C-alpha atoms as a PDB file:
ATOM      1  CA  MET A   1     -23.755 -21.954  -8.811  1.00  0.00           C
ATOM      2  CA  VAL A   2     -26.742 -23.310 -10.768  1.00  0.00           C
ATOM      3  CA  ARG A   3     -29.892 -21.903  -9.213  1.00  0.00           C
ATOM      4  CA  GLY A   4     -32.182 -24.601  -7.848  1.00  0.00           C
ATOM      5  CA  LYS A   5     -29.482 -27.244  -8.232  1.00  0.00           C
ATOM      6  CA  SER A   6     -26.157 -26.234  -6.688  1.00  0.00           C
ATOM      7  CA  VAL A   7     -25.757 -26.368  -2.905  1.00  0.00           C
ATOM      8  CA  MET A   8     -22.790 -25.282  -0.805  1.00  0.00           C
ATOM      9  CA  GLY A   9     -22.259 -25.265   2.938  1.00  0.00           C
ATOM     10  CA  LEU A  10     -20.277 -26.519   5.903  1.00  0.00           C
ATOM     11  CA  ALA A  11     -22.731 -29.401   6.412  1.00  0.00           C
ATOM     12  CA  GLY A  12     -25.838 -30.833   4.781  1.00  0.00           C
ATOM     13  CA  PRO A  13     -29.366 -30.909   6.283  1.00  0.00           C
ATOM     14  CA  ALA A  14     -28.932 -34.391   7.793  1.00  0.00           C
ATOM     15  CA  LEU A  15     -25.731 -33.481   9.640  1.00  0.00           C
ATOM     16  CA  VAL A  16     -27.196 -30.160  10.739  1.00  0.00           C
ATOM     17  CA  LYS A  17     -30.227 -31.922  12.226  1.00  0.00           C
ATOM     18  CA  ALA A  18     -28.055 -34.528  13.944  1.00  0.00           C
ATOM     19  CA  GLY A  19     -25.691 -31.929  15.356  1.00  0.00           C
ATOM     20  CA  THR A  20     -28.025 -29.080  16.236  1.00  0.00           C
ATOM     21  CA  GLY A  21     -31.563 -30.373  15.961  1.00  0.00           C
ATOM     22  CA  GLU A  22     -32.398 -27.791  13.309  1.00  0.00           C
ATOM     23  CA  GLU A  23     -34.528 -28.989  10.412  1.00  0.00           C
ATOM     24  CA  ILE A  24     -33.912 -27.118   7.170  1.00  0.00           C
ATOM     25  CA  GLU A  25     -34.095 -27.823   3.435  1.00  0.00           C
ATOM     26  CA  GLN A  26     -30.782 -27.846   1.593  1.00  0.00           C
ATOM     27  CA  GLU A  27     -31.837 -24.984  -0.701  1.00  0.00           C
ATOM     28  CA  ASP A  28     -32.581 -22.794   2.321  1.00  0.00           C
ATOM     29  CA  LEU A  29     -29.350 -23.886   3.953  1.00  0.00           C
ATOM     30  CA  GLY A  30     -26.899 -23.383   1.114  1.00  0.00           C
ATOM     31  CA  GLY A  31     -28.581 -22.805  -2.234  1.00  0.00           C
ATOM     32  CA  ALA A  32     -27.657 -20.029  -4.643  1.00  0.00           C
ATOM     33  CA  ALA A  33     -30.184 -17.628  -3.116  1.00  0.00           C
ATOM     34  CA  VAL A  34     -28.184 -17.876   0.112  1.00  0.00           C
ATOM     35  CA  GLN A  35     -24.585 -18.312  -0.996  1.00  0.00           C
ATOM     36  CA  VAL A  36     -24.674 -16.051  -4.072  1.00  0.00           C
ATOM     37  CA  ASP A  37     -27.213 -13.345  -3.244  1.00  0.00           C
ATOM     38  CA  LYS A  38     -27.027 -13.026   0.558  1.00  0.00           C
ATOM     39  CA  GLN A  39     -23.559 -14.245   1.557  1.00  0.00           C
ATOM     40  CA  GLY A  40     -21.509 -13.577  -1.578  1.00  0.00           C
ATOM     41  CA  LEU A  41     -19.513 -16.780  -1.106  1.00  0.00           C
ATOM     42  CA  ALA A  42     -20.120 -17.716  -4.746  1.00  0.00           C
ATOM     43  CA  ASP A  43     -19.513 -15.154  -7.484  1.00  0.00           C
ATOM     44  CA  LEU A  44     -22.409 -15.883  -9.813  1.00  0.00           C
ATOM     45  CA  GLY A  45     -25.758 -17.659  -9.952  1.00  0.00           C
ATOM     46  CA  VAL A  46     -26.861 -19.020 -13.347  1.00  0.00           C
ATOM     47  CA  ALA A  47     -29.826 -20.949 -14.718  1.00  0.00           C
ATOM     48  CA  SER A  48     -28.104 -24.069 -16.112  1.00  0.00           C
ATOM     49  CA  GLU A  49     -24.920 -26.115 -16.120  1.00  0.00           C
ATOM     50  CA  GLU A  50     -24.198 -24.916 -19.650  1.00  0.00           C
ATOM     51  CA  GLU A  51     -24.312 -21.311 -18.458  1.00  0.00           C
ATOM     52  CA  ALA A  52     -22.070 -22.200 -15.536  1.00  0.00           C
ATOM     53  CA  PHE A  53     -19.394 -23.664 -17.830  1.00  0.00           C
ATOM     54  CA  GLU A  54     -19.674 -20.699 -20.201  1.00  0.00           C
ATOM     55  CA  ALA A  55     -19.322 -18.286 -17.267  1.00  0.00           C
ATOM     56  CA  ALA A  56     -16.223 -20.153 -16.081  1.00  0.00           C
ATOM     57  CA  ARG A  57     -14.675 -19.981 -19.553  1.00  0.00           C
ATOM     58  CA  ARG A  58     -15.385 -16.275 -19.836  1.00  0.00           C
ATOM     59  CA  PHE A  59     -14.038 -15.593 -16.344  1.00  0.00           C
ATOM     60  CA  LEU A  60     -10.759 -17.316 -17.233  1.00  0.00           C
ATOM     61  CA  SER A  61     -10.486 -15.413 -20.533  1.00  0.00           C
ATOM     62  CA  TYR A  62      -9.607 -12.229 -18.618  1.00  0.00           C
ATOM     63  CA  LEU A  63      -6.750 -13.878 -16.723  1.00  0.00           C
ATOM     64  CA  PRO A  64      -3.293 -14.999 -17.827  1.00  0.00           C
ATOM     65  CA  ALA A  65      -2.454 -18.688 -17.620  1.00  0.00           C
ATOM     66  CA  ASN A  66      -0.645 -17.907 -14.363  1.00  0.00           C
ATOM     67  CA  ALA A  67       0.286 -14.817 -12.395  1.00  0.00           C
ATOM     68  CA  ARG A  68       3.721 -14.531 -14.043  1.00  0.00           C
ATOM     69  CA  LYS A  69       2.398 -14.503 -17.609  1.00  0.00           C
ATOM     70  CA  PRO A  70       1.464 -11.316 -19.527  1.00  0.00           C
ATOM     71  CA  LEU A  71      -2.170 -10.298 -19.750  1.00  0.00           C
ATOM     72  CA  PRO A  72      -4.253 -11.859 -22.547  1.00  0.00           C
ATOM     73  CA  VAL A  73      -4.670  -8.764 -24.725  1.00  0.00           C
ATOM     74  CA  ILE A  74      -6.980  -9.327 -27.693  1.00  0.00           C
ATOM     75  CA  ALA A  75      -7.596  -7.409 -30.904  1.00  0.00           C
ATOM     76  CA  THR A  76     -10.558  -5.052 -30.896  1.00  0.00           C
ATOM     77  CA  ASN A  77     -12.230  -2.878 -33.511  1.00  0.00           C
ATOM     78  CA  ASP A  78     -13.550  -0.504 -30.837  1.00  0.00           C
ATOM     79  CA  PRO A  79     -11.545   2.728 -31.363  1.00  0.00           C
ATOM     80  CA  ALA A  80      -9.481   3.914 -28.408  1.00  0.00           C
ATOM     81  CA  ASP A  81     -10.648   7.476 -28.991  1.00  0.00           C
ATOM     82  CA  ARG A  82     -14.353   6.613 -29.141  1.00  0.00           C
ATOM     83  CA  GLY A  83     -16.270   9.189 -27.133  1.00  0.00           C
ATOM     84  CA  ASP A  84     -19.700   8.099 -25.962  1.00  0.00           C
ATOM     85  CA  GLU A  85     -21.993  11.137 -26.151  1.00  0.00           C
ATOM     86  CA  ALA A  86     -24.383   9.522 -23.650  1.00  0.00           C
ATOM     87  CA  LEU A  87     -21.782  10.050 -20.905  1.00  0.00           C
ATOM     88  CA  LEU A  88     -22.485  13.785 -21.019  1.00  0.00           C
ATOM     89  CA  ASP A  89     -26.023  13.295 -19.732  1.00  0.00           C
ATOM     90  CA  VAL A  90     -25.773  10.187 -17.548  1.00  0.00           C
ATOM     91  CA  VAL A  91     -25.212  12.080 -14.270  1.00  0.00           C
ATOM     92  CA  PRO A  92     -28.357  13.981 -13.135  1.00  0.00           C
ATOM     93  CA  ALA A  93     -28.055  17.641 -12.227  1.00  0.00           C
ATOM     94  CA  SER A  94     -29.562  16.916  -8.788  1.00  0.00           C
ATOM     95  CA  THR A  95     -27.256  15.071  -6.396  1.00  0.00           C
ATOM     96  CA  ARG A  96     -30.357  13.452  -4.877  1.00  0.00           C
ATOM     97  CA  ARG A  97     -31.197  11.607  -8.084  1.00  0.00           C
ATOM     98  CA  ALA A  98     -29.700   8.200  -8.811  1.00  0.00           C
ATOM     99  CA  TYR A  99     -28.309   6.832 -12.080  1.00  0.00           C
ATOM    100  CA  ASP A 100     -26.960   3.471 -13.180  1.00  0.00           C
ATOM    101  CA  MET A 101     -23.168   3.337 -12.909  1.00  0.00           C
ATOM    102  CA  ARG A 102     -23.203   0.307 -15.217  1.00  0.00           C
ATOM    103  CA  LYS A 103     -24.040   2.697 -18.065  1.00  0.00           C
ATOM    104  CA  VAL A 104     -20.920   4.689 -17.266  1.00  0.00           C
ATOM    105  CA  ILE A 105     -18.722   1.577 -17.295  1.00  0.00           C
ATOM    106  CA  ALA A 106     -20.300   0.342 -20.539  1.00  0.00           C
ATOM    107  CA  GLY A 107     -19.665   3.722 -22.168  1.00  0.00           C
ATOM    108  CA  ILE A 108     -15.974   3.607 -21.244  1.00  0.00           C
ATOM    109  CA  ALA A 109     -15.002  -0.051 -21.726  1.00  0.00           C
ATOM    110  CA  ASP A 110     -14.675  -1.990 -24.972  1.00  0.00           C
ATOM    111  CA  LYS A 111     -18.111  -2.849 -26.313  1.00  0.00           C
ATOM    112  CA  ASP A 112     -19.634  -6.055 -24.905  1.00  0.00           C
ATOM    113  CA  SER A 113     -16.567  -6.726 -22.741  1.00  0.00           C
ATOM    114  CA  LEU A 114     -18.075  -6.544 -19.237  1.00  0.00           C
ATOM    115  CA  PHE A 115     -18.210  -9.590 -16.962  1.00  0.00           C
ATOM    116  CA  GLU A 116     -19.518  -8.676 -13.517  1.00  0.00           C
ATOM    117  CA  ILE A 117     -18.413 -10.516 -10.377  1.00  0.00           C
ATOM    118  CA  LYS A 118     -20.943 -10.885  -7.525  1.00  0.00           C
ATOM    119  CA  PRO A 119     -23.624  -8.793  -9.299  1.00  0.00           C
ATOM    120  CA  THR A 120     -26.395  -9.803  -6.862  1.00  0.00           C
ATOM    121  CA  PHE A 121     -24.361  -9.367  -3.670  1.00  0.00           C
ATOM    122  CA  ALA A 122     -23.641  -5.944  -2.118  1.00  0.00           C
ATOM    123  CA  GLY A 123     -25.196  -4.185  -5.079  1.00  0.00           C
ATOM    124  CA  ASN A 124     -24.059  -0.771  -3.832  1.00  0.00           C
ATOM    125  CA  LEU A 125     -20.612  -1.612  -5.221  1.00  0.00           C
ATOM    126  CA  ILE A 126     -19.943  -2.900  -8.745  1.00  0.00           C
ATOM    127  CA  THR A 127     -16.976  -5.164  -9.415  1.00  0.00           C
ATOM    128  CA  THR A 128     -16.548  -6.179 -13.025  1.00  0.00           C
ATOM    129  CA  PHE A 129     -13.946  -7.403 -15.459  1.00  0.00           C
ATOM    130  CA  ALA A 130     -13.813  -5.477 -18.739  1.00  0.00           C
ATOM    131  CA  ARG A 131     -11.394  -4.612 -21.510  1.00  0.00           C
ATOM    132  CA  LEU A 132      -9.871  -1.323 -22.580  1.00  0.00           C
ATOM    133  CA  GLY A 133      -8.261  -1.428 -26.006  1.00  0.00           C
ATOM    134  CA  GLY A 134      -8.327  -5.211 -25.737  1.00  0.00           C
ATOM    135  CA  ARG A 135      -6.506  -5.183 -22.380  1.00  0.00           C
ATOM    136  CA  PRO A 136      -8.302  -6.881 -19.448  1.00  0.00           C
ATOM    137  CA  VAL A 137      -8.904  -4.552 -16.501  1.00  0.00           C
ATOM    138  CA  GLY A 138     -10.958  -4.503 -13.333  1.00  0.00           C
ATOM    139  CA  PHE A 139     -13.564  -1.805 -12.663  1.00  0.00           C
ATOM    140  CA  ILE A 140     -14.628  -1.123  -9.080  1.00  0.00           C
ATOM    141  CA  ALA A 141     -17.404   1.438  -8.828  1.00  0.00           C
ATOM    142  CA  ASN A 142     -20.019   2.816  -6.460  1.00  0.00           C
ATOM    143  CA  GLN A 143     -23.598   2.174  -7.591  1.00  0.00           C
ATOM    144  CA  PRO A 144     -25.887   5.151  -6.809  1.00  0.00           C
ATOM    145  CA  MET A 145     -28.932   2.999  -7.630  1.00  0.00           C
ATOM    146  CA  ARG A 146     -28.391   1.079  -4.365  1.00  0.00           C
ATOM    147  CA  THR A 147     -28.331   3.050  -1.086  1.00  0.00           C
ATOM    148  CA  GLY A 148     -26.724   5.939  -2.922  1.00  0.00           C
ATOM    149  CA  GLY A 149     -23.490   3.973  -3.406  1.00  0.00           C
ATOM    150  CA  ILE A 150     -22.606   4.145   0.290  1.00  0.00           C
ATOM    151  CA  LEU A 151     -19.917   1.757   1.536  1.00  0.00           C
ATOM    152  CA  ASP A 152     -21.150  -0.852   4.011  1.00  0.00           C
ATOM    153  CA  ALA A 153     -19.459  -3.957   5.395  1.00  0.00           C
ATOM    154  CA  ASN A 154     -20.466  -6.295   2.559  1.00  0.00           C
ATOM    155  CA  ALA A 155     -19.442  -3.801  -0.119  1.00  0.00           C
ATOM    156  CA  CYS A 156     -16.031  -3.327   1.519  1.00  0.00           C
ATOM    157  CA  GLU A 157     -15.347  -7.052   1.621  1.00  0.00           C
ATOM    158  CA  LYS A 158     -16.580  -7.482  -1.943  1.00  0.00           C
ATOM    159  CA  GLY A 159     -14.310  -4.675  -3.141  1.00  0.00           C
ATOM    160  CA  ALA A 160     -11.322  -5.930  -1.158  1.00  0.00           C
ATOM    161  CA  HIS A 161     -11.591  -9.416  -2.646  1.00  0.00           C
ATOM    162  CA  PHE A 162     -11.868  -8.038  -6.178  1.00  0.00           C
ATOM    163  CA  ILE A 163      -8.825  -5.789  -5.765  1.00  0.00           C
ATOM    164  CA  ALA A 164      -6.824  -8.772  -4.487  1.00  0.00           C
ATOM    165  CA  LEU A 165      -7.980 -10.927  -7.411  1.00  0.00           C
ATOM    166  CA  CYS A 166      -7.024  -8.321 -10.015  1.00  0.00           C
ATOM    167  CA  ASP A 167      -3.715  -7.581  -8.312  1.00  0.00           C
ATOM    168  CA  ALA A 168      -2.817 -11.271  -8.089  1.00  0.00           C
ATOM    169  CA  TYR A 169      -3.112 -11.692 -11.859  1.00  0.00           C
ATOM    170  CA  GLY A 170      -1.869  -8.269 -12.918  1.00  0.00           C
ATOM    171  CA  LEU A 171      -5.085  -6.611 -14.114  1.00  0.00           C
ATOM    172  CA  PRO A 172      -5.011  -2.793 -13.902  1.00  0.00           C
ATOM    173  CA  LEU A 173      -7.734  -1.246 -11.745  1.00  0.00           C
ATOM    174  CA  VAL A 174     -10.149   1.567 -12.532  1.00  0.00           C
ATOM    175  CA  SER A 175     -12.083   3.115  -9.648  1.00  0.00           C
ATOM    176  CA  LEU A 176     -15.214   5.074 -10.551  1.00  0.00           C
ATOM    177  CA  ILE A 177     -16.229   7.146  -7.545  1.00  0.00           C
ATOM    178  CA  ASP A 178     -19.634   8.401  -6.488  1.00  0.00           C
ATOM    179  CA  VAL A 179     -19.547   7.739  -2.757  1.00  0.00           C
ATOM    180  CA  PRO A 180     -21.349   9.653   0.014  1.00  0.00           C
ATOM    181  CA  GLY A 181     -19.121   7.968   2.609  1.00  0.00           C
ATOM    182  CA  PHE A 182     -19.412   4.979   4.919  1.00  0.00           C
ATOM    183  CA  TYR A 183     -22.605   3.595   6.417  1.00  0.00           C
ATOM    184  CA  ILE A 184     -22.891   4.941   9.986  1.00  0.00           C
ATOM    185  CA  GLY A 185     -24.941   4.363  13.123  1.00  0.00           C
ATOM    186  CA  SER A 186     -25.573   1.486  15.501  1.00  0.00           C
ATOM    187  CA  ALA A 187     -26.622  -0.840  12.673  1.00  0.00           C
ATOM    188  CA  ALA A 188     -23.285  -0.236  10.957  1.00  0.00           C
ATOM    189  CA  GLU A 189     -21.400  -0.896  14.188  1.00  0.00           C
ATOM    190  CA  ARG A 190     -23.196  -4.226  14.616  1.00  0.00           C
ATOM    191  CA  THR A 191     -21.777  -5.343  11.261  1.00  0.00           C
ATOM    192  CA  THR A 192     -18.224  -4.644  12.561  1.00  0.00           C
ATOM    193  CA  LEU A 193     -17.827  -2.168   9.708  1.00  0.00           C
ATOM    194  CA  GLY A 194     -14.858  -0.551  11.438  1.00  0.00           C
ATOM    195  CA  ARG A 195     -12.858  -3.744  10.956  1.00  0.00           C
ATOM    196  CA  ARG A 196     -14.329  -4.953   7.697  1.00  0.00           C
ATOM    197  CA  SER A 197     -13.963  -1.588   5.972  1.00  0.00           C
ATOM    198  CA  ALA A 198     -10.248  -1.669   6.748  1.00  0.00           C
ATOM    199  CA  LYS A 199      -9.908  -4.676   4.437  1.00  0.00           C
ATOM    200  CA  LEU A 200     -10.742  -2.471   1.450  1.00  0.00           C
ATOM    201  CA  ILE A 201      -8.080   0.060   2.412  1.00  0.00           C
ATOM    202  CA  PHE A 202      -5.656  -2.767   3.191  1.00  0.00           C
ATOM    203  CA  GLU A 203      -5.965  -4.204  -0.312  1.00  0.00           C
ATOM    204  CA  TRP A 204      -5.485  -0.850  -2.016  1.00  0.00           C
ATOM    205  CA  GLY A 205      -2.326  -0.408   0.004  1.00  0.00           C
ATOM    206  CA  HIS A 206      -0.974  -3.776  -1.146  1.00  0.00           C
ATOM    207  CA  ALA A 207      -1.944  -3.607  -4.804  1.00  0.00           C
ATOM    208  CA  SER A 208       1.000  -3.196  -7.167  1.00  0.00           C
ATOM    209  CA  VAL A 209      -0.878  -3.005 -10.481  1.00  0.00           C
ATOM    210  CA  PRO A 210      -1.549   0.274 -12.300  1.00  0.00           C
ATOM    211  CA  ARG A 211      -4.644   2.056 -11.038  1.00  0.00           C
ATOM    212  CA  VAL A 212      -6.626   5.140 -12.028  1.00  0.00           C
ATOM    213  CA  SER A 213      -9.493   6.822 -10.202  1.00  0.00           C
ATOM    214  CA  VAL A 214     -12.257   8.922 -11.768  1.00  0.00           C
ATOM    215  CA  VAL A 215     -14.622  10.914  -9.564  1.00  0.00           C
ATOM    216  CA  ILE A 216     -17.975  10.862 -11.333  1.00  0.00           C
ATOM    217  CA  ARG A 217     -20.002  12.776  -8.739  1.00  0.00           C
ATOM    218  CA  LYS A 218     -19.616  12.523  -4.947  1.00  0.00           C
ATOM    219  CA  GLY A 219     -16.268  11.954  -3.290  1.00  0.00           C
ATOM    220  CA  PHE A 220     -17.026  12.455   0.395  1.00  0.00           C
ATOM    221  CA  GLY A 221     -14.938  11.776   3.472  1.00  0.00           C
ATOM    222  CA  LEU A 222     -12.960   8.622   4.100  1.00  0.00           C
ATOM    223  CA  GLY A 223     -15.074   6.897   1.469  1.00  0.00           C
ATOM    224  CA  TYR A 224     -13.271   8.997  -1.154  1.00  0.00           C
ATOM    225  CA  PHE A 225      -9.894   7.649  -0.047  1.00  0.00           C
ATOM    226  CA  ALA A 226     -11.228   4.105   0.419  1.00  0.00           C
ATOM    227  CA  MET A 227     -12.165   4.204  -3.268  1.00  0.00           C
ATOM    228  CA  ASN A 228      -8.602   5.232  -4.142  1.00  0.00           C
ATOM    229  CA  GLY A 229      -9.543   8.852  -4.726  1.00  0.00           C
ATOM    230  CA  GLY A 230      -6.876  11.481  -5.299  1.00  0.00           C
ATOM    231  CA  ARG A 231      -3.346  10.547  -4.238  1.00  0.00           C
ATOM    232  CA  ALA A 232      -4.659   8.169  -1.551  1.00  0.00           C
ATOM    233  CA  PHE A 233      -2.652   5.170  -2.757  1.00  0.00           C
ATOM    234  CA  ASP A 234      -0.340   6.780  -5.295  1.00  0.00           C
ATOM    235  CA  SER A 235      -2.619   6.335  -8.298  1.00  0.00           C
ATOM    236  CA  ASP A 236      -1.066   6.506 -11.733  1.00  0.00           C
ATOM    237  CA  ALA A 237      -3.683   9.169 -12.455  1.00  0.00           C
ATOM    238  CA  SER A 238      -6.634  10.733 -10.678  1.00  0.00           C
ATOM    239  CA  PHE A 239      -9.350  12.382 -12.755  1.00  0.00           C
ATOM    240  CA  ALA A 240     -12.649  14.106 -12.064  1.00  0.00           C
ATOM    241  CA  TRP A 241     -15.641  14.809 -14.265  1.00  0.00           C
ATOM    242  CA  PRO A 242     -17.085  18.334 -14.209  1.00  0.00           C
ATOM    243  CA  SER A 243     -19.981  16.902 -12.155  1.00  0.00           C
ATOM    244  CA  ALA A 244     -17.622  15.921  -9.309  1.00  0.00           C
ATOM    245  CA  GLN A 245     -17.946  17.260  -5.761  1.00  0.00           C
ATOM    246  CA  ILE A 246     -15.190  16.375  -3.296  1.00  0.00           C
ATOM    247  CA  CYS A 247     -15.215  17.281   0.395  1.00  0.00           C
ATOM    248  CA  ALA A 248     -14.640  15.891   3.878  1.00  0.00           C
ATOM    249  CA  MET A 249     -18.291  14.896   4.444  1.00  0.00           C
ATOM    250  CA  SER A 250     -21.721  15.448   2.944  1.00  0.00           C
ATOM    251  CA  ILE A 251     -22.335  19.163   2.507  1.00  0.00           C
ATOM    252  CA  GLU A 252     -25.644  19.089   4.378  1.00  0.00           C
ATOM    253  CA  GLY A 253     -24.042  17.196   7.257  1.00  0.00           C
ATOM    254  CA  ALA A 254     -21.101  19.579   7.383  1.00  0.00           C
ATOM    255  CA  ILE A 255     -23.383  22.613   7.630  1.00  0.00           C
ATOM    256  CA  ASP A 256     -25.470  20.999  10.369  1.00  0.00           C
ATOM    257  CA  VAL A 257     -22.414  20.025  12.407  1.00  0.00           C
ATOM    258  CA  ALA A 258     -20.351  23.188  12.038  1.00  0.00           C
ATOM    259  CA  PHE A 259     -22.831  26.010  11.506  1.00  0.00           C
ATOM    260  CA  ARG A 260     -26.107  24.987  13.123  1.00  0.00           C
ATOM    261  CA  LYS A 261     -26.012  27.805  15.679  1.00  0.00           C
ATOM    262  CA  GLU A 262     -25.349  30.340  12.956  1.00  0.00           C
ATOM    263  CA  TYR A 263     -28.228  29.430  10.670  1.00  0.00           C
ATOM    264  CA  MET A 264     -30.646  28.834  13.562  1.00  0.00           C
ATOM    265  CA  SER A 265     -30.076  32.425  14.710  1.00  0.00           C
ATOM    266  CA  ALA A 266     -31.046  33.810  11.289  1.00  0.00           C
ATOM    267  CA  PRO A 267     -34.538  35.287  10.692  1.00  0.00           C
ATOM    268  CA  ASP A 268     -35.294  32.366   8.359  1.00  0.00           C
ATOM    269  CA  PRO A 269     -33.163  29.414   9.560  1.00  0.00           C
ATOM    270  CA  GLN A 270     -34.018  27.038   6.702  1.00  0.00           C
ATOM    271  CA  ALA A 271     -33.397  29.661   4.035  1.00  0.00           C
ATOM    272  CA  ARG A 272     -30.037  30.529   5.618  1.00  0.00           C
ATOM    273  CA  ARG A 273     -29.149  26.835   5.871  1.00  0.00           C
ATOM    274  CA  GLN A 274     -29.890  26.298   2.176  1.00  0.00           C
ATOM    275  CA  GLU A 275     -27.885  29.398   1.281  1.00  0.00           C
ATOM    276  CA  MET A 276     -24.885  28.047   3.209  1.00  0.00           C
ATOM    277  CA  ILE A 277     -25.245  24.662   1.523  1.00  0.00           C
ATOM    278  CA  GLU A 278     -25.160  26.272  -1.930  1.00  0.00           C
ATOM    279  CA  GLU A 279     -22.174  28.444  -0.980  1.00  0.00           C
ATOM    280  CA  THR A 280     -20.254  25.380   0.217  1.00  0.00           C
ATOM    281  CA  ARG A 281     -21.262  23.301  -2.808  1.00  0.00           C
ATOM    282  CA  ALA A 282     -19.730  25.950  -5.061  1.00  0.00           C
ATOM    283  CA  GLN A 283     -16.445  25.480  -3.221  1.00  0.00           C
ATOM    284  CA  THR A 284     -16.394  21.697  -3.690  1.00  0.00           C
ATOM    285  CA  ALA A 285     -16.649  21.657  -7.482  1.00  0.00           C
ATOM    286  CA  SER A 286     -14.207  19.576  -9.489  1.00  0.00           C
ATOM    287  CA  ILE A 287     -11.926  22.505 -10.324  1.00  0.00           C
ATOM    288  CA  HIS A 288     -11.291  23.104  -6.610  1.00  0.00           C
ATOM    289  CA  ALA A 289     -10.587  19.391  -6.151  1.00  0.00           C
ATOM    290  CA  ALA A 290      -7.924  19.684  -8.812  1.00  0.00           C
ATOM    291  CA  GLU A 291      -6.337  22.419  -6.727  1.00  0.00           C
ATOM    292  CA  GLY A 292      -6.135  20.670  -3.385  1.00  0.00           C
ATOM    293  CA  LEU A 293      -7.520  17.136  -3.227  1.00  0.00           C
ATOM    294  CA  GLY A 294      -5.140  15.141  -5.392  1.00  0.00           C
ATOM    295  CA  VAL A 295      -6.982  15.358  -8.725  1.00  0.00           C
ATOM    296  CA  ASP A 296      -4.664  15.584 -11.732  1.00  0.00           C
ATOM    297  CA  ASP A 297      -7.165  16.828 -14.260  1.00  0.00           C
ATOM    298  CA  VAL A 298     -10.841  17.644 -14.781  1.00  0.00           C
ATOM    299  CA  ILE A 299     -11.779  15.819 -17.975  1.00  0.00           C
ATOM    300  CA  ASP A 300     -14.563  15.703 -20.516  1.00  0.00           C
ATOM    301  CA  PRO A 301     -16.472  12.472 -19.741  1.00  0.00           C
ATOM    302  CA  ARG A 302     -16.217  11.488 -23.401  1.00  0.00           C
ATOM    303  CA  THR A 303     -12.423  11.369 -23.187  1.00  0.00           C
ATOM    304  CA  THR A 304     -12.337   9.011 -20.183  1.00  0.00           C
ATOM    305  CA  ARG A 305     -11.879   5.888 -22.312  1.00  0.00           C
ATOM    306  CA  ARG A 306      -9.013   7.379 -24.320  1.00  0.00           C
ATOM    307  CA  ARG A 307      -7.229   8.691 -21.232  1.00  0.00           C
ATOM    308  CA  LEU A 308      -7.435   5.331 -19.453  1.00  0.00           C
ATOM    309  CA  ILE A 309      -6.137   3.400 -22.466  1.00  0.00           C
ATOM    310  CA  GLU A 310      -3.226   5.829 -22.890  1.00  0.00           C
ATOM    311  CA  ILE A 311      -2.227   5.521 -19.241  1.00  0.00           C
ATOM    312  CA  PHE A 312      -2.345   1.716 -19.143  1.00  0.00           C
ATOM    313  CA  GLU A 313      -0.294   1.537 -22.360  1.00  0.00           C
ATOM    314  CA  GLN A 314       2.440   3.643 -20.748  1.00  0.00           C
ATOM    315  CA  THR A 315       2.587   2.276 -17.205  1.00  0.00           C
ATOM    316  CA  PRO A 316       4.672  -0.786 -16.269  1.00  0.00           C
ATOM    317  CA  PRO A 317       2.644  -3.884 -15.363  1.00  0.00           C
ATOM    318  CA  ARG A 318       3.812  -3.717 -11.739  1.00  0.00           C
ATOM    319  CA  ARG A 319       5.202  -0.975  -9.549  1.00  0.00           C
ATOM    320  CA  GLU A 320       8.300  -1.632  -7.483  1.00  0.00           C
ATOM    321  CA  ALA A 321       7.736  -2.160  -3.779  1.00  0.00           C
ATOM    322  CA  ASP A 322       8.575   0.948  -1.769  1.00  0.00           C
ATOM    323  CA  HIS A 323       7.779  -0.430   1.692  1.00  0.00           C
ATOM    324  CA  PRO A 324      10.415  -1.484   4.211  1.00  0.00           C
ATOM    325  CA  PRO A 325      11.134  -5.231   4.263  1.00  0.00           C
ATOM    326  CA  LYS A 326       8.866  -7.246   6.538  1.00  0.00           C
ATOM    327  CA  TYR A 327       8.051 -10.858   7.270  1.00  0.00           C
ATOM    328  CA  ARG A 328       4.358 -10.573   6.400  1.00  0.00           C
ATOM    329  CA  SER A 329       1.311  -8.327   6.444  1.00  0.00           C
ATOM    330  CA  ILE A 330      -1.428  -8.517   9.063  1.00  0.00           C
ATOM    331  CA  ALA A 331      -4.864  -8.449   7.480  1.00  0.00           C
ATOM    332  CA  PRO A 332      -7.516  -6.443   9.378  1.00  0.00           C
ATOM    333  CA  ILE A 333      -9.921  -9.349   9.880  1.00  0.00           C
END
């Protein structure tokens, strides 16, 4: 949509006034600020018609002519074994500090190959086309810069749609995980997150394209599996960086739920609580995830690009269906 020019909606201002009595300007009713940024109905807002046409051309360049055609692989002079040194320092030592996941994606993908879908909607989840060794792929990644990368209703629907789009046209999927879990509380319940989050899991379960997950930092609770962590949906590979921590819930929350009585009875409750947190954190490091949480290998961040390219070169474009025959699927909507 062209900002300040494009309008989209079920009815225009005149019909709205006639039908409901509401008076509203068309930009406030269905302009890009509404339909792109708040609702996510349109994928991108641009400044001019020329940019809109260029965005459409670039969008289509990642897709085959139709779903039965092979992917449009292009030549690239970006070496498959390029290791970006910046990836070693991108994740802060403190789990409370944020970082930009876009820098991680840019360090892994072919140079200048990213094309983000819905960048201004549900910013806690990144969905972007990219290329690896010239092959178009889809990256879906938590964004710690926005609400810590937590999964809320809008992020789940955004991710579900992107998985379906990539799967429809045969683009392999890369999931970069730094998720503290799902948004919780009464506000989350009012967004019907319980139903809308299931759409994300539903689409992972239906996808037949190759997929690889990489745990960058946090992989907590059901959010870990909803981001295709471990063997959740039979990934072709599941990796973790040395900075990864994988457990059933946030460490602080786990200590408060399970051991509150114990640390409150200590001479210094807060000191004992912090000690228990550090003890538990040591048990959730990436090497322990490799032992019991479906991680195939703990990898040097600089080798992520090479490992992904190797896997997608070896895997078939589609996996054979292993589900019992059925008439149709029932979407959780």
